[in-house]
PDB file of N, CA and C in Angstrom:
ATOM      1  N   UNK A   1      12.167   6.179   9.125  1.00  0.00           N
ATOM      2  CA  UNK A   1      12.385   5.499   8.210  1.00  0.00           C
ATOM      3  C   UNK A   1      14.029   4.988   8.086  1.00  0.00           C
ATOM      4  N   UNK A   2      14.057   3.802   7.730  1.00  0.00           N
ATOM      5  CA  UNK A   2      15.638   3.437   7.792  1.00  0.00           C
ATOM      6  C   UNK A   2      15.831   2.884   6.118  1.00  0.00           C
ATOM      7  N   UNK A   3      17.138   3.244   6.118  1.00  0.00           N
ATOM      8  CA  UNK A   3      17.556   3.033   4.290  1.00  0.00           C
ATOM      9  C   UNK A   3      18.878   2.166   4.440  1.00  0.00           C
ATOM     10  N   UNK A   4      19.214   0.549   3.777  1.00  0.00           N
ATOM     11  CA  UNK A   4      19.954   0.382   3.754  1.00  0.00           C
ATOM     12  C   UNK A   4      20.968   1.031   2.492  1.00  0.00           C
ATOM     13  N   UNK A   5      22.226   1.052   2.454  1.00  0.00           N
ATOM     14  CA  UNK A   5      23.154   1.802   1.343  1.00  0.00           C
ATOM     15  C   UNK A   5      24.015   1.334   1.634  1.00  0.00           C
ATOM     16  N   UNK A   6      24.920   1.671   0.390  1.00  0.00           N
ATOM     17  CA  UNK A   6      26.116   1.594   0.290  1.00  0.00           C
ATOM     18  C   UNK A   6      27.124   3.124   0.314  1.00  0.00           C
ATOM     19  N   UNK A   7      28.070   3.055   1.282  1.00  0.00           N
ATOM     20  CA  UNK A   7      28.675   4.480   1.014  1.00  0.00           C
ATOM     21  C   UNK A   7      29.730   4.009   0.711  1.00  0.00           C
ATOM     22  N   UNK A   8      30.733   4.915  -0.242  1.00  0.00           N
ATOM     23  CA  UNK A   8      32.185   4.530  -0.644  1.00  0.00           C
ATOM     24  C   UNK A   8      32.834   2.678  -0.170  1.00  0.00           C
ATOM     25  N   UNK A   9      32.047   2.033  -0.681  1.00  0.00           N
ATOM     26  CA  UNK A   9      31.821   0.523  -1.105  1.00  0.00           C
ATOM     27  C   UNK A   9      31.677  -0.009   0.375  1.00  0.00           C
ATOM     28  N   UNK A  10      31.164   0.590   1.544  1.00  0.00           N
ATOM     29  CA  UNK A  10      31.117  -0.106   2.938  1.00  0.00           C
ATOM     30  C   UNK A  10      29.157   0.128   2.787  1.00  0.00           C
ATOM     31  N   UNK A  11      28.793  -1.146   3.569  1.00  0.00           N
ATOM     32  CA  UNK A  11      27.449  -1.146   3.798  1.00  0.00           C
ATOM     33  C   UNK A  11      27.107  -0.558   5.007  1.00  0.00           C
ATOM     34  N   UNK A  12      26.135   0.420   5.223  1.00  0.00           N
ATOM     35  CA  UNK A  12      25.367   1.371   6.134  1.00  0.00           C
ATOM     36  C   UNK A  12      24.440   1.244   6.092  1.00  0.00           C
ATOM     37  N   UNK A  13      23.234   1.477   7.335  1.00  0.00           N
ATOM     38  CA  UNK A  13      22.418   1.615   7.247  1.00  0.00           C
ATOM     39  C   UNK A  13      21.722   3.054   7.543  1.00  0.00           C
ATOM     40  N   UNK A  14      20.987   3.932   7.427  1.00  0.00           N
ATOM     41  CA  UNK A  14      20.708   5.211   7.249  1.00  0.00           C
ATOM     42  C   UNK A  14      19.498   5.344   8.213  1.00  0.00           C
ATOM     43  N   UNK A  15      19.302   6.211   9.469  1.00  0.00           N
ATOM     44  CA  UNK A  15      18.169   6.609   9.737  1.00  0.00           C
ATOM     45  C   UNK A  15      17.953   8.068   9.675  1.00  0.00           C
ATOM     46  N   UNK A  16      16.666   7.924   9.371  1.00  0.00           N
ATOM     47  CA  UNK A  16      16.315   9.468   9.054  1.00  0.00           C
ATOM     48  C   UNK A  16      15.023   9.548   9.983  1.00  0.00           C
ATOM     49  N   UNK A  17      15.224  10.444  11.226  1.00  0.00           N
ATOM     50  CA  UNK A  17      14.364  10.644  11.914  1.00  0.00           C
ATOM     51  C   UNK A  17      13.322  11.681  12.091  1.00  0.00           C
ATOM     52  N   UNK A  18      12.167  12.281  13.364  1.00  0.00           N
ATOM     53  CA  UNK A  18      11.915  13.427  12.977  1.00  0.00           C
ATOM     54  C   UNK A  18      10.596  13.558  11.955  1.00  0.00           C
ATOM     55  N   UNK A  19      10.654  12.444  10.853  1.00  0.00           N
ATOM     56  CA  UNK A  19       9.549  12.496   9.917  1.00  0.00           C
ATOM     57  C   UNK A  19       8.015  12.303  10.333  1.00  0.00           C
ATOM     58  N   UNK A  20       6.855  13.097   9.545  1.00  0.00           N
ATOM     59  CA  UNK A  20       5.887  12.590   9.916  1.00  0.00           C
ATOM     60  C   UNK A  20       5.627  11.328   9.102  1.00  0.00           C
ATOM     61  N   UNK A  21       5.186  10.413   9.944  1.00  0.00           N
ATOM     62  CA  UNK A  21       5.432   8.826   9.255  1.00  0.00           C
ATOM     63  C   UNK A  21       3.884   9.111   8.224  1.00  0.00           C
ATOM     64  N   UNK A  22       2.912   9.817   8.264  1.00  0.00           N
ATOM     65  CA  UNK A  22       2.090   9.494   7.407  1.00  0.00           C
ATOM     66  C   UNK A  22       2.617  10.216   5.866  1.00  0.00           C
ATOM     67  N   UNK A  23       3.657  10.575   5.788  1.00  0.00           N
ATOM     68  CA  UNK A  23       4.174  11.367   4.648  1.00  0.00           C
ATOM     69  C   UNK A  23       5.027  10.397   4.123  1.00  0.00           C
ATOM     70  N   UNK A  24       5.742   9.487   4.490  1.00  0.00           N
ATOM     71  CA  UNK A  24       6.630   8.604   4.009  1.00  0.00           C
ATOM     72  C   UNK A  24       6.008   7.598   3.262  1.00  0.00           C
ATOM     73  N   UNK A  25       6.053   7.602   1.813  1.00  0.00           N
ATOM     74  CA  UNK A  25       5.132   6.810   0.881  1.00  0.00           C
ATOM     75  C   UNK A  25       6.072   5.833   0.093  1.00  0.00           C
ATOM     76  N   UNK A  26       7.475   5.768   0.935  1.00  0.00           N
ATOM     77  CA  UNK A  26       8.139   4.606   0.166  1.00  0.00           C
ATOM     78  C   UNK A  26       7.739   3.144   0.435  1.00  0.00           C
ATOM     79  N   UNK A  27       8.075   2.223  -0.406  1.00  0.00           N
ATOM     80  CA  UNK A  27       7.835   0.896   0.085  1.00  0.00           C
ATOM     81  C   UNK A  27       8.939  -0.015   0.580  1.00  0.00           C
ATOM     82  N   UNK A  28       9.215  -1.010   1.198  1.00  0.00           N
ATOM     83  CA  UNK A  28      10.131  -2.156   1.494  1.00  0.00           C
ATOM     84  C   UNK A  28      10.770  -2.314   0.573  1.00  0.00           C
ATOM     85  N   UNK A  29      12.109  -1.984   0.311  1.00  0.00           N
ATOM     86  CA  UNK A  29      12.746  -2.722  -0.946  1.00  0.00           C
ATOM     87  C   UNK A  29      13.171  -1.528  -1.947  1.00  0.00           C
ATOM     88  N   UNK A  30      11.773  -0.814  -1.771  1.00  0.00           N
ATOM     89  CA  UNK A  30      11.687   0.661  -3.080  1.00  0.00           C
ATOM     90  C   UNK A  30      13.307   1.132  -3.275  1.00  0.00           C
ATOM     91  N   UNK A  31      13.916   1.254  -4.323  1.00  0.00           N
ATOM     92  CA  UNK A  31      14.937   2.170  -4.904  1.00  0.00           C
ATOM     93  C   UNK A  31      14.806   3.443  -4.569  1.00  0.00           C
ATOM     94  N   UNK A  32      15.706   4.366  -3.813  1.00  0.00           N
ATOM     95  CA  UNK A  32      15.753   5.978  -3.688  1.00  0.00           C
ATOM     96  C   UNK A  32      16.782   5.987  -4.179  1.00  0.00           C
ATOM     97  N   UNK A  33      16.790   7.503  -4.683  1.00  0.00           N
ATOM     98  CA  UNK A  33      18.124   8.239  -5.296  1.00  0.00           C
ATOM     99  C   UNK A  33      18.427   9.909  -4.940  1.00  0.00           C
ATOM    100  N   UNK A  34      19.143  10.220  -4.714  1.00  0.00           N
ATOM    101  CA  UNK A  34      19.534  11.761  -4.543  1.00  0.00           C
ATOM    102  C   UNK A  34      18.433  12.393  -5.096  1.00  0.00           C
ATOM    103  N   UNK A  35      17.734  13.274  -4.274  1.00  0.00           N
ATOM    104  CA  UNK A  35      16.392  14.499  -5.000  1.00  0.00           C
ATOM    105  C   UNK A  35      15.343  13.653  -4.572  1.00  0.00           C
ATOM    106  N   UNK A  36      15.354  12.422  -4.697  1.00  0.00           N
ATOM    107  CA  UNK A  36      13.764  11.960  -4.138  1.00  0.00           C
ATOM    108  C   UNK A  36      13.262  12.048  -3.020  1.00  0.00           C
ATOM    109  N   UNK A  37      11.889  13.146  -2.978  1.00  0.00           N
ATOM    110  CA  UNK A  37      11.304  12.878  -1.357  1.00  0.00           C
ATOM    111  C   UNK A  37      11.195  11.940  -1.007  1.00  0.00           C
ATOM    112  N   UNK A  38      11.401  11.733   0.459  1.00  0.00           N
ATOM    113  CA  UNK A  38      11.418  10.406   1.303  1.00  0.00           C
ATOM    114  C   UNK A  38      10.408  10.815   2.220  1.00  0.00           C
ATOM    115  N   UNK A  39       9.592  11.846   2.557  1.00  0.00           N
ATOM    116  CA  UNK A  39       9.077  12.076   3.900  1.00  0.00           C
ATOM    117  C   UNK A  39       9.253  14.019   4.146  1.00  0.00           C
ATOM    118  N   UNK A  40       8.006  14.339   4.975  1.00  0.00           N
ATOM    119  CA  UNK A  40       8.365  15.412   5.587  1.00  0.00           C
ATOM    120  C   UNK A  40       8.548  15.555   6.786  1.00  0.00           C
ATOM    121  N   UNK A  41       9.370  16.726   7.371  1.00  0.00           N
ATOM    122  CA  UNK A  41       9.625  16.749   8.436  1.00  0.00           C
ATOM    123  C   UNK A  41       8.519  16.691   9.700  1.00  0.00           C
ATOM    124  N   UNK A  42       8.388  16.070  10.999  1.00  0.00           N
ATOM    125  CA  UNK A  42       7.412  16.081  11.750  1.00  0.00           C
ATOM    126  C   UNK A  42       7.030  17.595  12.301  1.00  0.00           C
ATOM    127  N   UNK A  43       5.940  17.798  12.912  1.00  0.00           N
ATOM    128  CA  UNK A  43       5.511  19.280  13.356  1.00  0.00           C
ATOM    129  C   UNK A  43       6.558  19.521  14.521  1.00  0.00           C
ATOM    130  N   UNK A  44       7.098  20.714  14.537  1.00  0.00           N
ATOM    131  CA  UNK A  44       8.182  20.883  15.846  1.00  0.00           C
ATOM    132  C   UNK A  44       7.230  21.158  17.778  1.00  0.00           C
ATOM    133  N   UNK A  45       8.088  20.530  17.812  1.00  0.00           N
ATOM    134  CA  UNK A  45       7.585  20.715  19.342  1.00  0.00           C
ATOM    135  C   UNK A  45       6.128  19.722  19.603  1.00  0.00           C
ATOM    136  N   UNK A  46       6.333  18.628  19.003  1.00  0.00           N
ATOM    137  CA  UNK A  46       5.060  17.503  19.336  1.00  0.00           C
ATOM    138  C   UNK A  46       5.923  16.241  19.407  1.00  0.00           C
ATOM    139  N   UNK A  47       5.084  15.308  19.502  1.00  0.00           N
ATOM    140  CA  UNK A  47       5.363  14.080  19.401  1.00  0.00           C
ATOM    141  C   UNK A  47       6.518  13.348  18.448  1.00  0.00           C
ATOM    142  N   UNK A  48       6.176  13.699  17.253  1.00  0.00           N
ATOM    143  CA  UNK A  48       6.659  13.349  15.976  1.00  0.00           C
ATOM    144  C   UNK A  48       8.125  14.355  16.048  1.00  0.00           C
ATOM    145  N   UNK A  49       8.604  14.968  17.104  1.00  0.00           N
ATOM    146  CA  UNK A  49      10.028  15.517  16.954  1.00  0.00           C
ATOM    147  C   UNK A  49      10.458  15.401  18.461  1.00  0.00           C
ATOM    148  N   UNK A  50       9.886  14.400  19.053  1.00  0.00           N
ATOM    149  CA  UNK A  50      10.609  14.422  20.819  1.00  0.00           C
ATOM    150  C   UNK A  50      10.169  15.626  21.487  1.00  0.00           C
ATOM    151  N   UNK A  51       9.094  16.289  21.442  1.00  0.00           N
ATOM    152  CA  UNK A  51       9.146  17.950  21.723  1.00  0.00           C
ATOM    153  C   UNK A  51       9.960  18.887  21.765  1.00  0.00           C
ATOM    154  N   UNK A  52      10.712  18.618  20.654  1.00  0.00           N
ATOM    155  CA  UNK A  52      12.099  19.576  20.023  1.00  0.00           C
ATOM    156  C   UNK A  52      11.401  20.328  19.042  1.00  0.00           C
ATOM    157  N   UNK A  53      12.380  21.337  18.454  1.00  0.00           N
ATOM    158  CA  UNK A  53      12.034  22.130  17.262  1.00  0.00           C
ATOM    159  C   UNK A  53      12.077  21.231  16.104  1.00  0.00           C
ATOM    160  N   UNK A  54      11.348  21.787  15.015  1.00  0.00           N
ATOM    161  CA  UNK A  54      11.115  20.766  13.512  1.00  0.00           C
ATOM    162  C   UNK A  54      12.984  20.709  13.699  1.00  0.00           C
ATOM    163  N   UNK A  55      13.071  19.347  12.837  1.00  0.00           N
ATOM    164  CA  UNK A  55      14.903  19.024  12.532  1.00  0.00           C
ATOM    165  C   UNK A  55      14.798  17.463  12.057  1.00  0.00           C
ATOM    166  N   UNK A  56      15.687  17.345  11.166  1.00  0.00           N
ATOM    167  CA  UNK A  56      15.860  15.989  11.197  1.00  0.00           C
ATOM    168  C   UNK A  56      16.791  15.292  11.705  1.00  0.00           C
ATOM    169  N   UNK A  57      16.650  13.949  12.157  1.00  0.00           N
ATOM    170  CA  UNK A  57      17.660  13.232  12.913  1.00  0.00           C
ATOM    171  C   UNK A  57      18.610  12.496  11.789  1.00  0.00           C
ATOM    172  N   UNK A  58      19.454  12.800  11.666  1.00  0.00           N
ATOM    173  CA  UNK A  58      20.059  12.069  10.083  1.00  0.00           C
ATOM    174  C   UNK A  58      21.299  11.035  10.696  1.00  0.00           C
ATOM    175  N   UNK A  59      21.259   9.669  11.096  1.00  0.00           N
ATOM    176  CA  UNK A  59      22.227   9.163  11.667  1.00  0.00           C
ATOM    177  C   UNK A  59      22.637   7.724  10.603  1.00  0.00           C
ATOM    178  N   UNK A  60      24.029   7.355  10.759  1.00  0.00           N
ATOM    179  CA  UNK A  60      24.566   6.272   9.690  1.00  0.00           C
ATOM    180  C   UNK A  60      25.248   5.737  10.265  1.00  0.00           C
ATOM    181  N   UNK A  61      25.108   4.433  10.386  1.00  0.00           N
ATOM    182  CA  UNK A  61      25.334   3.422  11.099  1.00  0.00           C
ATOM    183  C   UNK A  61      26.318   2.096  10.466  1.00  0.00           C
ATOM    184  N   UNK A  62      27.504   2.342  10.235  1.00  0.00           N
ATOM    185  CA  UNK A  62      28.316   1.507   9.580  1.00  0.00           C
ATOM    186  C   UNK A  62      27.510  -0.197   9.759  1.00  0.00           C
ATOM    187  N   UNK A  63      27.785  -1.087   8.640  1.00  0.00           N
ATOM    188  CA  UNK A  63      27.086  -2.242   8.434  1.00  0.00           C
ATOM    189  C   UNK A  63      26.021  -2.246   7.991  1.00  0.00           C
ATOM    190  N   UNK A  64      25.160  -3.986   8.396  1.00  0.00           N
ATOM    191  CA  UNK A  64      23.691  -3.870   7.845  1.00  0.00           C
ATOM    192  C   UNK A  64      23.115  -3.797   8.955  1.00  0.00           C
ATOM    193  N   UNK A  65      23.651  -3.753  10.138  1.00  0.00           N
ATOM    194  CA  UNK A  65      22.679  -4.096  11.490  1.00  0.00           C
ATOM    195  C   UNK A  65      22.086  -2.506  11.642  1.00  0.00           C
ATOM    196  N   UNK A  66      20.711  -2.888  11.739  1.00  0.00           N
ATOM    197  CA  UNK A  66      19.601  -1.746  12.434  1.00  0.00           C
ATOM    198  C   UNK A  66      19.581  -1.127  13.778  1.00  0.00           C
ATOM    199  N   UNK A  67      20.351   0.097  13.725  1.00  0.00           N
ATOM    200  CA  UNK A  67      20.390   0.602  15.039  1.00  0.00           C
ATOM    201  C   UNK A  67      19.323   1.779  15.408  1.00  0.00           C
ATOM    202  N   UNK A  68      17.944   1.410  16.055  1.00  0.00           N
ATOM    203  CA  UNK A  68      17.015   2.603  16.078  1.00  0.00           C
ATOM    204  C   UNK A  68      17.303   3.713  16.816  1.00  0.00           C
ATOM    205  N   UNK A  69      17.877   3.458  18.046  1.00  0.00           N
ATOM    206  CA  UNK A  69      18.751   4.620  18.552  1.00  0.00           C
ATOM    207  C   UNK A  69      18.797   5.916  18.058  1.00  0.00           C
ATOM    208  N   UNK A  70      20.048   5.571  17.338  1.00  0.00           N
ATOM    209  CA  UNK A  70      20.119   6.841  16.331  1.00  0.00           C
ATOM    210  C   UNK A  70      21.814   7.677  17.185  1.00  0.00           C
ATOM    211  N   UNK A  71      21.879   7.300  18.242  1.00  0.00           N
ATOM    212  CA  UNK A  71      23.010   8.150  19.086  1.00  0.00           C
ATOM    213  C   UNK A  71      23.808   7.173  19.638  1.00  0.00           C
ATOM    214  N   UNK A  72      24.850   7.844  20.403  1.00  0.00           N
ATOM    215  CA  UNK A  72      25.527   6.854  21.296  1.00  0.00           C
ATOM    216  C   UNK A  72      25.557   7.490  22.596  1.00  0.00           C
ATOM    217  N   UNK A  73      25.610   6.837  23.641  1.00  0.00           N
ATOM    218  CA  UNK A  73      25.873   7.244  24.902  1.00  0.00           C
ATOM    219  C   UNK A  73      27.631   7.639  25.163  1.00  0.00           C
ATOM    220  N   UNK A  74      28.502   7.110  24.903  1.00  0.00           N
ATOM    221  CA  UNK A  74      29.577   7.353  24.967  1.00  0.00           C
ATOM    222  C   UNK A  74      30.704   7.817  24.144  1.00  0.00           C
ATOM    223  N   UNK A  75      31.740   8.213  23.819  1.00  0.00           N
ATOM    224  CA  UNK A  75      32.581   8.136  22.520  1.00  0.00           C
ATOM    225  C   UNK A  75      33.331   7.414  22.124  1.00  0.00           C
ATOM    226  N   UNK A  76      33.566   6.440  22.982  1.00  0.00           N
ATOM    227  CA  UNK A  76      34.144   4.993  22.465  1.00  0.00           C
ATOM    228  C   UNK A  76      33.356   4.201  21.566  1.00  0.00           C
ATOM    229  N   UNK A  77      32.179   4.605  21.627  1.00  0.00           N
ATOM    230  CA  UNK A  77      30.820   3.756  20.933  1.00  0.00           C
ATOM    231  C   UNK A  77      30.752   4.497  19.321  1.00  0.00           C
ATOM    232  N   UNK A  78      31.323   5.803  19.065  1.00  0.00           N
ATOM    233  CA  UNK A  78      31.326   6.402  17.630  1.00  0.00           C
ATOM    234  C   UNK A  78      31.785   5.560  16.445  1.00  0.00           C
ATOM    235  N   UNK A  79      33.120   4.662  16.804  1.00  0.00           N
ATOM    236  CA  UNK A  79      33.449   3.887  15.388  1.00  0.00           C
ATOM    237  C   UNK A  79      32.300   3.235  14.856  1.00  0.00           C
ATOM    238  N   UNK A  80      30.944   3.095  15.055  1.00  0.00           N
ATOM    239  CA  UNK A  80      30.229   2.269  14.761  1.00  0.00           C
ATOM    240  C   UNK A  80      29.217   2.883  13.684  1.00  0.00           C
ATOM    241  N   UNK A  81      29.653   4.279  13.578  1.00  0.00           N
ATOM    242  CA  UNK A  81      28.815   5.423  13.328  1.00  0.00           C
ATOM    243  C   UNK A  81      29.950   6.237  12.165  1.00  0.00           C
ATOM    244  N   UNK A  82      28.862   6.234  10.992  1.00  0.00           N
ATOM    245  CA  UNK A  82      29.693   7.362  10.033  1.00  0.00           C
ATOM    246  C   UNK A  82      29.713   9.063  10.186  1.00  0.00           C
ATOM    247  N   UNK A  83      30.491  10.089  10.274  1.00  0.00           N
ATOM    248  CA  UNK A  83      30.285  11.245  10.500  1.00  0.00           C
ATOM    249  C   UNK A  83      29.491  11.468   9.015  1.00  0.00           C
ATOM    250  N   UNK A  84      27.924  11.947   9.127  1.00  0.00           N
ATOM    251  CA  UNK A  84      27.802  12.660   7.810  1.00  0.00           C
ATOM    252  C   UNK A  84      28.224  13.658   7.493  1.00  0.00           C
ATOM    253  N   UNK A  85      28.816  14.519   8.220  1.00  0.00           N
ATOM    254  CA  UNK A  85      29.557  16.046   7.862  1.00  0.00           C
ATOM    255  C   UNK A  85      30.453  15.511   6.965  1.00  0.00           C
ATOM    256  N   UNK A  86      31.058  14.468   6.730  1.00  0.00           N
ATOM    257  CA  UNK A  86      32.225  14.452   5.852  1.00  0.00           C
ATOM    258  C   UNK A  86      31.599  14.129   4.263  1.00  0.00           C
ATOM    259  N   UNK A  87      30.699  13.408   4.454  1.00  0.00           N
ATOM    260  CA  UNK A  87      29.994  13.449   3.012  1.00  0.00           C
ATOM    261  C   UNK A  87      29.403  14.334   2.337  1.00  0.00           C
ATOM    262  N   UNK A  88      28.831  15.711   3.037  1.00  0.00           N
ATOM    263  CA  UNK A  88      28.783  16.991   2.146  1.00  0.00           C
ATOM    264  C   UNK A  88      29.537  17.680   1.871  1.00  0.00           C
TER     265      UNK A  88
END
């Protein structure tokens, strides 16, 4: 699932990965807020989690462009992403 949002007055796109697609009941353009249920984690060791344990893939990309990859291959590319640990 991809969400457009603003964090600290900066536009971001947030990717929530490894969710069970059938559990996502949100509509395009629907507003969500803290505490809203957006979906259920996919089954561990299945295609929903790319064969890995059950977990959430959370990526926050700076700007309005959508990056489905959700990760980078080189440290130099991290400047396009927000470190979610700093928000918690």
